N, C-alpha and C. Protein backbone atom coordinates (compact mmCIF):
# COMPACT_ATOMS: atom_id res chain seq x y z
N MET A 1 0.85 -1.19 0.00
CA MET A 1 -0.01 -0.01 -0.01
C MET A 1 0.88 1.23 0.00
N ARG A 2 0.59 2.13 -0.89
CA ARG A 2 1.34 3.37 -1.00
C ARG A 2 0.91 4.31 0.14
N TRP A 3 1.84 5.12 0.59
CA TRP A 3 1.53 6.05 1.65
C TRP A 3 0.64 7.18 1.19
N ASP A 4 0.79 7.60 -0.05
CA ASP A 4 -0.03 8.69 -0.56
C ASP A 4 -1.21 8.10 -1.33
N SER A 5 -2.16 7.51 -0.59
CA SER A 5 -3.31 6.92 -1.23
C SER A 5 -4.58 7.45 -0.57
N PRO A 6 -5.67 7.54 -1.35
CA PRO A 6 -6.93 7.98 -0.77
C PRO A 6 -7.45 7.05 0.34
N LEU A 7 -7.14 5.75 0.20
CA LEU A 7 -7.61 4.81 1.23
C LEU A 7 -6.94 5.09 2.59
N LEU A 8 -5.66 5.34 2.57
CA LEU A 8 -4.96 5.68 3.82
C LEU A 8 -5.52 6.99 4.39
N GLY A 9 -5.74 7.98 3.54
CA GLY A 9 -6.30 9.24 3.99
C GLY A 9 -7.70 9.04 4.58
N PHE A 10 -8.49 8.18 3.97
CA PHE A 10 -9.84 7.92 4.48
C PHE A 10 -9.79 7.26 5.85
N VAL A 11 -8.92 6.26 5.99
CA VAL A 11 -8.81 5.57 7.27
C VAL A 11 -8.31 6.55 8.37
N LEU A 12 -7.27 7.34 8.04
CA LEU A 12 -6.78 8.31 9.02
C LEU A 12 -7.85 9.38 9.30
N GLY A 13 -8.60 9.77 8.27
CA GLY A 13 -9.66 10.74 8.46
C GLY A 13 -10.82 10.25 9.28
N MET A 14 -11.04 8.93 9.30
CA MET A 14 -12.08 8.37 10.15
C MET A 14 -11.58 8.19 11.58
N LEU A 15 -10.27 7.99 11.77
CA LEU A 15 -9.72 7.77 13.12
C LEU A 15 -9.37 9.07 13.83
N ALA A 16 -8.98 10.09 13.10
CA ALA A 16 -8.54 11.35 13.75
C ALA A 16 -9.63 11.98 14.61
N PRO A 17 -10.91 11.97 14.21
CA PRO A 17 -11.92 12.53 15.11
C PRO A 17 -12.09 11.75 16.43
N VAL A 18 -11.70 10.51 16.45
CA VAL A 18 -11.75 9.77 17.71
C VAL A 18 -10.73 10.40 18.70
N LEU A 19 -9.56 10.71 18.19
CA LEU A 19 -8.57 11.40 19.02
C LEU A 19 -9.06 12.80 19.38
N GLY A 20 -9.74 13.46 18.45
CA GLY A 20 -10.33 14.75 18.74
C GLY A 20 -11.42 14.67 19.82
N PHE A 21 -12.19 13.58 19.78
CA PHE A 21 -13.22 13.35 20.80
C PHE A 21 -12.58 13.19 22.18
N VAL A 22 -11.52 12.39 22.24
CA VAL A 22 -10.81 12.18 23.51
C VAL A 22 -10.20 13.51 24.01
N ALA A 23 -9.62 14.28 23.10
CA ALA A 23 -9.03 15.56 23.48
C ALA A 23 -10.11 16.52 23.98
N TYR A 24 -11.24 16.61 23.25
CA TYR A 24 -12.32 17.51 23.69
C TYR A 24 -12.90 17.06 25.00
N GLY A 25 -13.11 15.76 25.16
CA GLY A 25 -13.65 15.26 26.44
C GLY A 25 -12.72 15.51 27.60
N THR A 26 -11.44 15.38 27.35
CA THR A 26 -10.46 15.66 28.42
C THR A 26 -10.46 17.14 28.80
N ILE A 27 -10.50 18.00 27.82
CA ILE A 27 -10.57 19.42 28.08
C ILE A 27 -11.87 19.76 28.82
N TYR A 28 -12.96 19.16 28.40
CA TYR A 28 -14.26 19.45 28.98
C TYR A 28 -14.33 19.06 30.45
N VAL A 29 -13.79 17.88 30.79
CA VAL A 29 -13.92 17.43 32.19
C VAL A 29 -12.79 17.99 33.08
N THR A 30 -11.78 18.61 32.51
CA THR A 30 -10.74 19.19 33.36
C THR A 30 -10.91 20.70 33.49
N ALA A 31 -11.35 21.37 32.45
CA ALA A 31 -11.42 22.82 32.52
C ALA A 31 -12.86 23.35 32.69
N ILE A 32 -13.82 22.75 32.01
CA ILE A 32 -15.18 23.28 32.04
C ILE A 32 -15.98 22.69 33.19
N ARG A 33 -15.96 21.38 33.35
CA ARG A 33 -16.69 20.70 34.42
C ARG A 33 -15.72 19.81 35.23
N PRO A 34 -14.90 20.40 36.07
CA PRO A 34 -13.89 19.61 36.78
C PRO A 34 -14.45 18.62 37.80
N HIS A 35 -15.72 18.77 38.18
CA HIS A 35 -16.31 17.86 39.15
C HIS A 35 -16.82 16.56 38.49
N HIS A 36 -16.70 16.44 37.16
CA HIS A 36 -17.09 15.23 36.45
C HIS A 36 -15.84 14.53 35.92
N ASP A 37 -16.03 13.29 35.49
CA ASP A 37 -14.89 12.56 34.92
C ASP A 37 -15.18 12.22 33.44
N PHE A 38 -14.20 11.60 32.78
CA PHE A 38 -14.32 11.30 31.35
C PHE A 38 -15.45 10.28 31.10
N GLN A 39 -15.63 9.34 32.02
CA GLN A 39 -16.70 8.38 31.86
C GLN A 39 -18.06 9.07 31.85
N TRP A 40 -18.24 10.08 32.67
CA TRP A 40 -19.49 10.86 32.65
C TRP A 40 -19.67 11.56 31.31
N PHE A 41 -18.57 12.07 30.78
CA PHE A 41 -18.64 12.75 29.46
C PHE A 41 -19.13 11.79 28.39
N VAL A 42 -18.59 10.60 28.39
CA VAL A 42 -18.97 9.65 27.35
C VAL A 42 -20.37 9.09 27.59
N GLN A 43 -20.65 8.62 28.82
CA GLN A 43 -21.92 7.95 29.09
C GLN A 43 -23.11 8.92 29.14
N GLU A 44 -22.98 9.95 29.92
CA GLU A 44 -24.13 10.85 30.13
C GLU A 44 -24.27 11.91 29.05
N LEU A 45 -23.19 12.59 28.77
CA LEU A 45 -23.27 13.72 27.84
C LEU A 45 -23.37 13.27 26.41
N PHE A 46 -22.48 12.37 25.98
CA PHE A 46 -22.44 11.99 24.58
C PHE A 46 -23.48 10.93 24.24
N LEU A 47 -23.45 9.81 24.93
CA LEU A 47 -24.36 8.71 24.60
C LEU A 47 -25.75 8.94 25.19
N GLY A 48 -25.84 9.58 26.33
CA GLY A 48 -27.12 9.77 27.00
C GLY A 48 -27.95 10.93 26.51
N THR A 49 -27.36 11.87 25.81
CA THR A 49 -28.08 13.04 25.35
C THR A 49 -27.95 13.14 23.83
N PRO A 50 -28.96 12.68 23.08
CA PRO A 50 -28.85 12.69 21.62
C PRO A 50 -28.71 14.08 21.00
N VAL A 51 -29.14 15.11 21.70
CA VAL A 51 -29.03 16.47 21.15
C VAL A 51 -27.57 16.89 21.04
N PHE A 52 -26.74 16.42 21.96
CA PHE A 52 -25.34 16.84 21.98
C PHE A 52 -24.44 16.04 21.05
N ARG A 53 -24.90 14.88 20.58
CA ARG A 53 -24.04 14.02 19.73
C ARG A 53 -23.51 14.74 18.49
N PRO A 54 -24.36 15.33 17.65
CA PRO A 54 -23.80 15.99 16.46
C PRO A 54 -22.88 17.17 16.79
N ARG A 55 -23.15 17.82 17.89
CA ARG A 55 -22.32 18.95 18.28
C ARG A 55 -20.92 18.50 18.70
N VAL A 56 -20.87 17.43 19.47
CA VAL A 56 -19.59 16.89 19.91
C VAL A 56 -18.80 16.31 18.73
N VAL A 57 -19.50 15.62 17.84
CA VAL A 57 -18.83 15.06 16.65
C VAL A 57 -18.28 16.17 15.77
N SER A 58 -19.05 17.25 15.61
CA SER A 58 -18.55 18.34 14.77
C SER A 58 -17.32 19.02 15.40
N LEU A 59 -17.29 19.11 16.71
CA LEU A 59 -16.08 19.65 17.37
C LEU A 59 -14.91 18.68 17.23
N SER A 60 -15.21 17.39 17.22
CA SER A 60 -14.14 16.39 17.09
C SER A 60 -13.53 16.44 15.70
N LEU A 61 -14.25 16.95 14.72
CA LEU A 61 -13.74 17.01 13.36
C LEU A 61 -12.60 18.03 13.17
N ILE A 62 -12.35 18.82 14.17
CA ILE A 62 -11.21 19.75 14.11
C ILE A 62 -9.92 18.96 13.95
N ALA A 63 -9.87 17.75 14.51
CA ALA A 63 -8.68 16.93 14.35
C ALA A 63 -8.44 16.57 12.88
N ASP A 64 -9.52 16.41 12.09
CA ASP A 64 -9.35 16.15 10.68
C ASP A 64 -8.75 17.36 9.96
N ALA A 65 -9.08 18.54 10.41
CA ALA A 65 -8.48 19.74 9.79
C ALA A 65 -6.98 19.76 10.02
N PHE A 66 -6.54 19.41 11.25
CA PHE A 66 -5.10 19.33 11.53
C PHE A 66 -4.46 18.25 10.65
N LEU A 67 -5.09 17.10 10.54
CA LEU A 67 -4.57 16.04 9.70
C LEU A 67 -4.48 16.47 8.24
N PHE A 68 -5.49 17.18 7.76
CA PHE A 68 -5.52 17.63 6.37
C PHE A 68 -4.32 18.54 6.09
N PHE A 69 -4.09 19.49 6.97
CA PHE A 69 -2.97 20.42 6.74
C PHE A 69 -1.61 19.76 6.97
N LEU A 70 -1.54 18.74 7.83
CA LEU A 70 -0.31 17.97 7.96
C LEU A 70 0.01 17.22 6.69
N LEU A 71 -1.00 16.60 6.09
CA LEU A 71 -0.78 15.89 4.85
C LEU A 71 -0.44 16.87 3.72
N ASP A 72 -0.98 18.06 3.76
CA ASP A 72 -0.63 19.09 2.78
C ASP A 72 0.81 19.47 2.89
N ARG A 73 1.31 19.62 4.13
CA ARG A 73 2.72 19.94 4.35
C ARG A 73 3.64 18.84 3.83
N MET A 74 3.15 17.60 3.95
CA MET A 74 3.96 16.48 3.51
C MET A 74 3.83 16.19 2.00
N GLY A 75 2.97 16.94 1.31
CA GLY A 75 2.80 16.79 -0.11
C GLY A 75 2.01 15.55 -0.51
N MET A 76 1.11 15.12 0.33
CA MET A 76 0.34 13.91 0.07
C MET A 76 -1.08 14.28 -0.36
N GLN A 77 -1.19 14.75 -1.59
CA GLN A 77 -2.48 15.23 -2.10
C GLN A 77 -3.53 14.13 -2.24
N ARG A 78 -3.12 12.94 -2.60
CA ARG A 78 -4.11 11.85 -2.74
C ARG A 78 -4.66 11.45 -1.37
N ALA A 79 -3.83 11.43 -0.37
CA ALA A 79 -4.33 11.12 0.99
C ALA A 79 -5.25 12.23 1.49
N MET A 80 -4.98 13.44 1.07
CA MET A 80 -5.84 14.58 1.46
C MET A 80 -7.27 14.36 0.93
N ARG A 81 -7.38 13.77 -0.26
CA ARG A 81 -8.69 13.48 -0.82
C ARG A 81 -9.45 12.48 0.06
N GLY A 82 -8.75 11.52 0.60
CA GLY A 82 -9.40 10.56 1.50
C GLY A 82 -9.87 11.21 2.77
N VAL A 83 -9.10 12.16 3.29
CA VAL A 83 -9.52 12.89 4.49
C VAL A 83 -10.78 13.70 4.19
N ILE A 84 -10.83 14.31 3.03
CA ILE A 84 -12.03 15.07 2.65
C ILE A 84 -13.23 14.14 2.56
N LEU A 85 -13.05 12.94 2.00
CA LEU A 85 -14.17 11.98 1.93
C LEU A 85 -14.62 11.56 3.31
N ALA A 86 -13.67 11.35 4.22
CA ALA A 86 -14.04 10.99 5.61
C ALA A 86 -14.81 12.13 6.26
N MET A 87 -14.40 13.38 6.02
CA MET A 87 -15.11 14.51 6.59
C MET A 87 -16.53 14.61 6.02
N LEU A 88 -16.71 14.24 4.76
CA LEU A 88 -18.05 14.24 4.17
C LEU A 88 -18.92 13.15 4.80
N VAL A 89 -18.32 12.01 5.10
CA VAL A 89 -19.08 10.94 5.78
C VAL A 89 -19.53 11.42 7.15
N TYR A 90 -18.62 12.01 7.89
CA TYR A 90 -19.01 12.56 9.20
C TYR A 90 -20.03 13.68 9.07
N GLY A 91 -19.88 14.50 8.02
CA GLY A 91 -20.83 15.58 7.79
C GLY A 91 -22.22 15.04 7.50
N ALA A 92 -22.31 13.95 6.72
CA ALA A 92 -23.62 13.33 6.47
C ALA A 92 -24.25 12.84 7.76
N TYR A 93 -23.42 12.23 8.63
CA TYR A 93 -23.95 11.79 9.94
C TYR A 93 -24.48 12.99 10.75
N ILE A 94 -23.73 14.09 10.73
CA ILE A 94 -24.14 15.25 11.52
C ILE A 94 -25.45 15.81 11.00
N VAL A 95 -25.61 15.89 9.70
CA VAL A 95 -26.85 16.41 9.11
C VAL A 95 -28.03 15.48 9.46
N ILE A 96 -27.83 14.20 9.33
CA ILE A 96 -28.90 13.24 9.66
C ILE A 96 -29.24 13.29 11.14
N ALA A 97 -28.23 13.36 11.99
CA ALA A 97 -28.47 13.40 13.45
C ALA A 97 -29.15 14.69 13.86
N LEU A 98 -28.76 15.80 13.25
CA LEU A 98 -29.43 17.07 13.56
C LEU A 98 -30.89 17.03 13.10
N GLY A 99 -31.11 16.47 11.95
CA GLY A 99 -32.50 16.38 11.43
C GLY A 99 -33.35 15.49 12.33
N SER A 100 -32.80 14.39 12.80
CA SER A 100 -33.61 13.51 13.64
C SER A 100 -33.83 14.12 15.02
N SER A 101 -32.87 14.89 15.51
CA SER A 101 -33.05 15.51 16.84
C SER A 101 -34.04 16.65 16.78
N LEU A 102 -34.18 17.25 15.63
CA LEU A 102 -35.20 18.31 15.47
C LEU A 102 -36.60 17.75 15.39
N LEU A 103 -36.73 16.51 14.91
CA LEU A 103 -38.04 15.88 14.77
C LEU A 103 -38.54 15.31 16.10
N GLU A 104 -37.64 15.06 17.05
CA GLU A 104 -38.05 14.51 18.34
C GLU A 104 -38.76 15.56 19.17
N PRO A 105 -39.79 15.14 19.92
CA PRO A 105 -40.49 16.14 20.75
C PRO A 105 -39.73 16.56 21.96
């Protein structure tokens, strides 16, 4: 497998928001709500509150932006296309999740 491939960019683009989620959750429970822990962030805030899921996922996508510009610095344009595709997949999820949360009473 070549390093500059759309498949590698897609895989990295799908995994980078997971690291962004962990980073955002860590910042949230240490700086914003220090009386809670990371397990509370995942269980109660993210999984327990459907309204917050698309918002947290969209904030986690900032990690993909960092990955995109890192790949640009390295001259890996084909892998950048995979990252864009991964961002579009996450974007479709966000739009669908926002639409379904608006329909709930």
